[in-house]
Amino acid sequence: ALKYEKPIPSREFILNWLTELGKPCSYKAMGTAFELTDPSAEEGLRRRLKAMLRDGQLLKNRRGAYAVAERLQMVPGYVEAHKDG
């Protein structure tokens, strides 16, 4: 964080914050809670959340809210289907 003029929250901080919150949270609500007003900081948070989704640390629900993957009772993986069954 000291390397950057306007640091964004780390992965560990985001995971701890969501765990303490105890419920899924939207991108906008996170930006407000973390007091991110600079567009570059908002973009940094968006990219960090996208990376955390890709790495399986977070999950995004149908409403677009983020949740800690470990806290949800889900099995990680992909569903493969074909239109003919």
N, C-alpha and C. Protein backbone atom coordinates (compact mmCIF):
# COMPACT_ATOMS: atom_id res chain seq x y z
N ALA A 1 0.82 -1.19 0.00
CA ALA A 1 0.00 0.00 0.00
C ALA A 1 0.86 1.26 0.00
N LEU A 2 2.04 1.18 0.59
CA LEU A 2 2.89 2.36 0.65
C LEU A 2 3.48 2.72 -0.71
N LYS A 3 3.47 1.77 -1.66
CA LYS A 3 4.02 2.02 -2.98
C LYS A 3 3.11 2.92 -3.81
N TYR A 4 1.82 2.95 -3.48
CA TYR A 4 0.85 3.64 -4.30
C TYR A 4 0.37 4.91 -3.63
N GLU A 5 0.08 5.90 -4.48
CA GLU A 5 -0.43 7.17 -3.97
C GLU A 5 -1.81 7.00 -3.37
N LYS A 6 -2.67 6.25 -4.06
CA LYS A 6 -4.04 5.99 -3.58
C LYS A 6 -4.27 4.49 -3.62
N PRO A 7 -3.85 3.77 -2.57
CA PRO A 7 -3.95 2.30 -2.58
C PRO A 7 -5.40 1.84 -2.50
N ILE A 8 -5.66 0.67 -3.08
CA ILE A 8 -6.97 0.03 -2.97
C ILE A 8 -6.85 -1.09 -1.94
N PRO A 9 -7.97 -1.53 -1.37
CA PRO A 9 -7.92 -2.59 -0.37
C PRO A 9 -7.32 -3.88 -0.93
N SER A 10 -6.58 -4.57 -0.09
CA SER A 10 -5.95 -5.84 -0.48
C SER A 10 -6.99 -6.95 -0.52
N ARG A 11 -6.60 -8.07 -1.09
CA ARG A 11 -7.50 -9.23 -1.15
C ARG A 11 -7.87 -9.68 0.27
N GLU A 12 -6.88 -9.73 1.15
CA GLU A 12 -7.13 -10.18 2.52
C GLU A 12 -8.10 -9.25 3.23
N PHE A 13 -7.92 -7.95 3.02
CA PHE A 13 -8.80 -6.97 3.66
C PHE A 13 -10.24 -7.14 3.16
N ILE A 14 -10.40 -7.31 1.85
CA ILE A 14 -11.74 -7.49 1.28
C ILE A 14 -12.40 -8.75 1.82
N LEU A 15 -11.64 -9.85 1.88
CA LEU A 15 -12.19 -11.11 2.41
C LEU A 15 -12.60 -10.96 3.87
N ASN A 16 -11.74 -10.35 4.68
CA ASN A 16 -12.06 -10.14 6.10
C ASN A 16 -13.27 -9.23 6.25
N TRP A 17 -13.32 -8.17 5.46
CA TRP A 17 -14.42 -7.22 5.55
C TRP A 17 -15.75 -7.88 5.20
N LEU A 18 -15.77 -8.67 4.12
CA LEU A 18 -16.99 -9.37 3.72
C LEU A 18 -17.39 -10.42 4.75
N THR A 19 -16.40 -11.09 5.34
CA THR A 19 -16.69 -12.09 6.37
C THR A 19 -17.33 -11.43 7.58
N GLU A 20 -16.79 -10.30 8.01
CA GLU A 20 -17.36 -9.58 9.15
C GLU A 20 -18.74 -9.02 8.82
N LEU A 21 -18.94 -8.59 7.58
CA LEU A 21 -20.24 -8.07 7.16
C LEU A 21 -21.30 -9.16 7.25
N GLY A 22 -20.94 -10.36 6.85
CA GLY A 22 -21.84 -11.50 6.99
C GLY A 22 -22.90 -11.65 5.92
N LYS A 23 -22.83 -10.83 4.88
CA LYS A 23 -23.78 -10.94 3.78
C LYS A 23 -23.13 -10.44 2.51
N PRO A 24 -23.67 -10.81 1.35
CA PRO A 24 -23.09 -10.32 0.09
C PRO A 24 -23.19 -8.80 -0.01
N CYS A 25 -22.26 -8.22 -0.76
CA CYS A 25 -22.20 -6.77 -0.89
C CYS A 25 -21.94 -6.40 -2.35
N SER A 26 -22.58 -5.34 -2.80
CA SER A 26 -22.42 -4.90 -4.19
C SER A 26 -21.13 -4.11 -4.37
N TYR A 27 -20.73 -3.95 -5.62
CA TYR A 27 -19.54 -3.18 -5.96
C TYR A 27 -19.68 -1.73 -5.50
N LYS A 28 -20.84 -1.13 -5.73
CA LYS A 28 -21.06 0.27 -5.34
C LYS A 28 -20.98 0.43 -3.83
N ALA A 29 -21.58 -0.50 -3.10
CA ALA A 29 -21.55 -0.42 -1.64
C ALA A 29 -20.12 -0.57 -1.11
N MET A 30 -19.33 -1.42 -1.75
CA MET A 30 -17.93 -1.57 -1.35
C MET A 30 -17.16 -0.28 -1.61
N GLY A 31 -17.37 0.31 -2.77
CA GLY A 31 -16.70 1.56 -3.10
C GLY A 31 -17.02 2.65 -2.10
N THR A 32 -18.27 2.71 -1.66
CA THR A 32 -18.68 3.69 -0.66
C THR A 32 -18.06 3.37 0.70
N ALA A 33 -18.10 2.10 1.08
CA ALA A 33 -17.55 1.69 2.38
C ALA A 33 -16.04 1.91 2.46
N PHE A 34 -15.35 1.70 1.35
CA PHE A 34 -13.90 1.88 1.32
C PHE A 34 -13.51 3.32 0.99
N GLU A 35 -14.52 4.18 0.81
CA GLU A 35 -14.31 5.61 0.54
C GLU A 35 -13.44 5.84 -0.70
N LEU A 36 -13.77 5.12 -1.78
CA LEU A 36 -13.06 5.27 -3.04
C LEU A 36 -13.80 6.29 -3.89
N THR A 37 -13.19 7.43 -4.14
CA THR A 37 -13.82 8.47 -4.94
C THR A 37 -13.09 8.70 -6.26
N ASP A 38 -11.84 8.32 -6.31
CA ASP A 38 -11.03 8.49 -7.51
C ASP A 38 -11.39 7.42 -8.54
N PRO A 39 -11.64 7.80 -9.79
CA PRO A 39 -11.98 6.79 -10.82
C PRO A 39 -10.92 5.70 -10.98
N SER A 40 -9.64 6.04 -10.82
CA SER A 40 -8.61 5.01 -10.96
C SER A 40 -8.66 4.02 -9.79
N ALA A 41 -9.01 4.48 -8.61
CA ALA A 41 -9.16 3.59 -7.46
C ALA A 41 -10.38 2.68 -7.64
N GLU A 42 -11.46 3.24 -8.19
CA GLU A 42 -12.65 2.43 -8.45
C GLU A 42 -12.36 1.35 -9.49
N GLU A 43 -11.59 1.72 -10.51
CA GLU A 43 -11.20 0.75 -11.54
C GLU A 43 -10.29 -0.33 -10.93
N GLY A 44 -9.41 0.08 -10.04
CA GLY A 44 -8.53 -0.87 -9.36
C GLY A 44 -9.32 -1.87 -8.54
N LEU A 45 -10.35 -1.38 -7.83
CA LEU A 45 -11.21 -2.28 -7.04
C LEU A 45 -11.96 -3.23 -7.96
N ARG A 46 -12.48 -2.71 -9.08
CA ARG A 46 -13.21 -3.56 -10.02
C ARG A 46 -12.31 -4.68 -10.54
N ARG A 47 -11.08 -4.33 -10.89
CA ARG A 47 -10.13 -5.34 -11.39
C ARG A 47 -9.76 -6.34 -10.30
N ARG A 48 -9.59 -5.86 -9.07
CA ARG A 48 -9.25 -6.77 -7.97
C ARG A 48 -10.39 -7.74 -7.73
N LEU A 49 -11.62 -7.26 -7.72
CA LEU A 49 -12.77 -8.14 -7.52
C LEU A 49 -12.89 -9.15 -8.65
N LYS A 50 -12.63 -8.72 -9.87
CA LYS A 50 -12.67 -9.63 -11.02
C LYS A 50 -11.62 -10.73 -10.87
N ALA A 51 -10.42 -10.37 -10.42
CA ALA A 51 -9.36 -11.35 -10.21
C ALA A 51 -9.73 -12.33 -9.09
N MET A 52 -10.36 -11.81 -8.04
CA MET A 52 -10.77 -12.66 -6.93
C MET A 52 -11.87 -13.63 -7.37
N LEU A 53 -12.74 -13.19 -8.26
CA LEU A 53 -13.75 -14.09 -8.82
C LEU A 53 -13.08 -15.19 -9.63
N ARG A 54 -12.13 -14.80 -10.46
CA ARG A 54 -11.42 -15.75 -11.32
C ARG A 54 -10.67 -16.79 -10.48
N ASP A 55 -10.09 -16.36 -9.36
CA ASP A 55 -9.31 -17.26 -8.51
C ASP A 55 -10.17 -18.06 -7.52
N GLY A 56 -11.48 -17.83 -7.54
CA GLY A 56 -12.37 -18.59 -6.68
C GLY A 56 -12.45 -18.11 -5.25
N GLN A 57 -11.93 -16.93 -4.95
CA GLN A 57 -12.01 -16.40 -3.59
C GLN A 57 -13.39 -15.80 -3.32
N LEU A 58 -14.01 -15.24 -4.36
CA LEU A 58 -15.32 -14.63 -4.24
C LEU A 58 -16.28 -15.27 -5.23
N LEU A 59 -17.56 -15.13 -4.95
CA LEU A 59 -18.61 -15.52 -5.88
C LEU A 59 -19.52 -14.32 -6.06
N LYS A 60 -20.12 -14.23 -7.23
CA LYS A 60 -21.04 -13.14 -7.53
C LYS A 60 -22.42 -13.73 -7.71
N ASN A 61 -23.40 -13.20 -6.97
CA ASN A 61 -24.75 -13.76 -7.07
C ASN A 61 -25.52 -13.10 -8.21
N ARG A 62 -26.77 -13.48 -8.38
CA ARG A 62 -27.59 -12.99 -9.49
C ARG A 62 -27.83 -11.49 -9.43
N ARG A 63 -27.80 -10.94 -8.24
CA ARG A 63 -28.01 -9.51 -8.08
C ARG A 63 -26.74 -8.70 -8.24
N GLY A 64 -25.63 -9.38 -8.49
CA GLY A 64 -24.36 -8.69 -8.70
C GLY A 64 -23.59 -8.42 -7.42
N ALA A 65 -24.01 -8.99 -6.31
CA ALA A 65 -23.33 -8.80 -5.04
C ALA A 65 -22.24 -9.86 -4.87
N TYR A 66 -21.17 -9.48 -4.20
CA TYR A 66 -20.03 -10.37 -3.99
C TYR A 66 -20.11 -11.00 -2.61
N ALA A 67 -19.70 -12.28 -2.52
CA ALA A 67 -19.69 -13.01 -1.26
C ALA A 67 -18.43 -13.87 -1.20
N VAL A 68 -17.98 -14.16 0.02
CA VAL A 68 -16.80 -15.00 0.22
C VAL A 68 -17.18 -16.44 -0.14
N ALA A 69 -16.42 -17.03 -1.04
CA ALA A 69 -16.73 -18.37 -1.54
C ALA A 69 -16.70 -19.43 -0.44
N GLU A 70 -15.77 -19.32 0.49
CA GLU A 70 -15.65 -20.32 1.56
C GLU A 70 -16.85 -20.32 2.49
N ARG A 71 -17.52 -19.20 2.64
CA ARG A 71 -18.64 -19.08 3.56
C ARG A 71 -19.93 -19.65 2.98
N LEU A 72 -19.99 -19.80 1.69
CA LEU A 72 -21.19 -20.32 1.05
C LEU A 72 -21.10 -21.83 0.96
N GLN A 73 -22.23 -22.47 1.11
CA GLN A 73 -22.25 -23.93 1.05
C GLN A 73 -22.44 -24.36 -0.40
N MET A 74 -21.37 -24.20 -1.17
CA MET A 74 -21.42 -24.54 -2.58
C MET A 74 -20.21 -25.39 -2.92
N VAL A 75 -20.35 -26.16 -3.96
CA VAL A 75 -19.26 -26.97 -4.46
C VAL A 75 -18.66 -26.26 -5.66
N PRO A 76 -17.36 -25.98 -5.64
CA PRO A 76 -16.75 -25.29 -6.78
C PRO A 76 -16.72 -26.19 -8.00
N GLY A 77 -16.88 -25.59 -9.17
CA GLY A 77 -16.83 -26.33 -10.40
C GLY A 77 -17.64 -25.66 -11.48
N TYR A 78 -17.76 -26.32 -12.61
CA TYR A 78 -18.48 -25.81 -13.76
C TYR A 78 -19.53 -26.84 -14.15
N VAL A 79 -20.62 -26.36 -14.68
CA VAL A 79 -21.67 -27.24 -15.19
C VAL A 79 -21.56 -27.24 -16.71
N GLU A 80 -21.49 -28.42 -17.27
CA GLU A 80 -21.43 -28.54 -18.72
C GLU A 80 -22.72 -29.21 -19.17
N ALA A 81 -23.40 -28.57 -20.10
CA ALA A 81 -24.68 -29.11 -20.57
C ALA A 81 -24.77 -28.98 -22.09
N HIS A 82 -25.66 -29.76 -22.64
CA HIS A 82 -25.90 -29.72 -24.08
C HIS A 82 -27.40 -29.59 -24.30
N LYS A 83 -27.80 -28.87 -25.30
CA LYS A 83 -29.23 -28.61 -25.53
C LYS A 83 -30.04 -29.88 -25.78
N ASP A 84 -29.40 -30.96 -26.24
CA ASP A 84 -30.10 -32.21 -26.50
C ASP A 84 -30.09 -33.18 -25.31
N GLY A 85 -29.51 -32.71 -24.20
CA GLY A 85 -29.55 -33.53 -23.00
C GLY A 85 -28.33 -34.23 -22.65
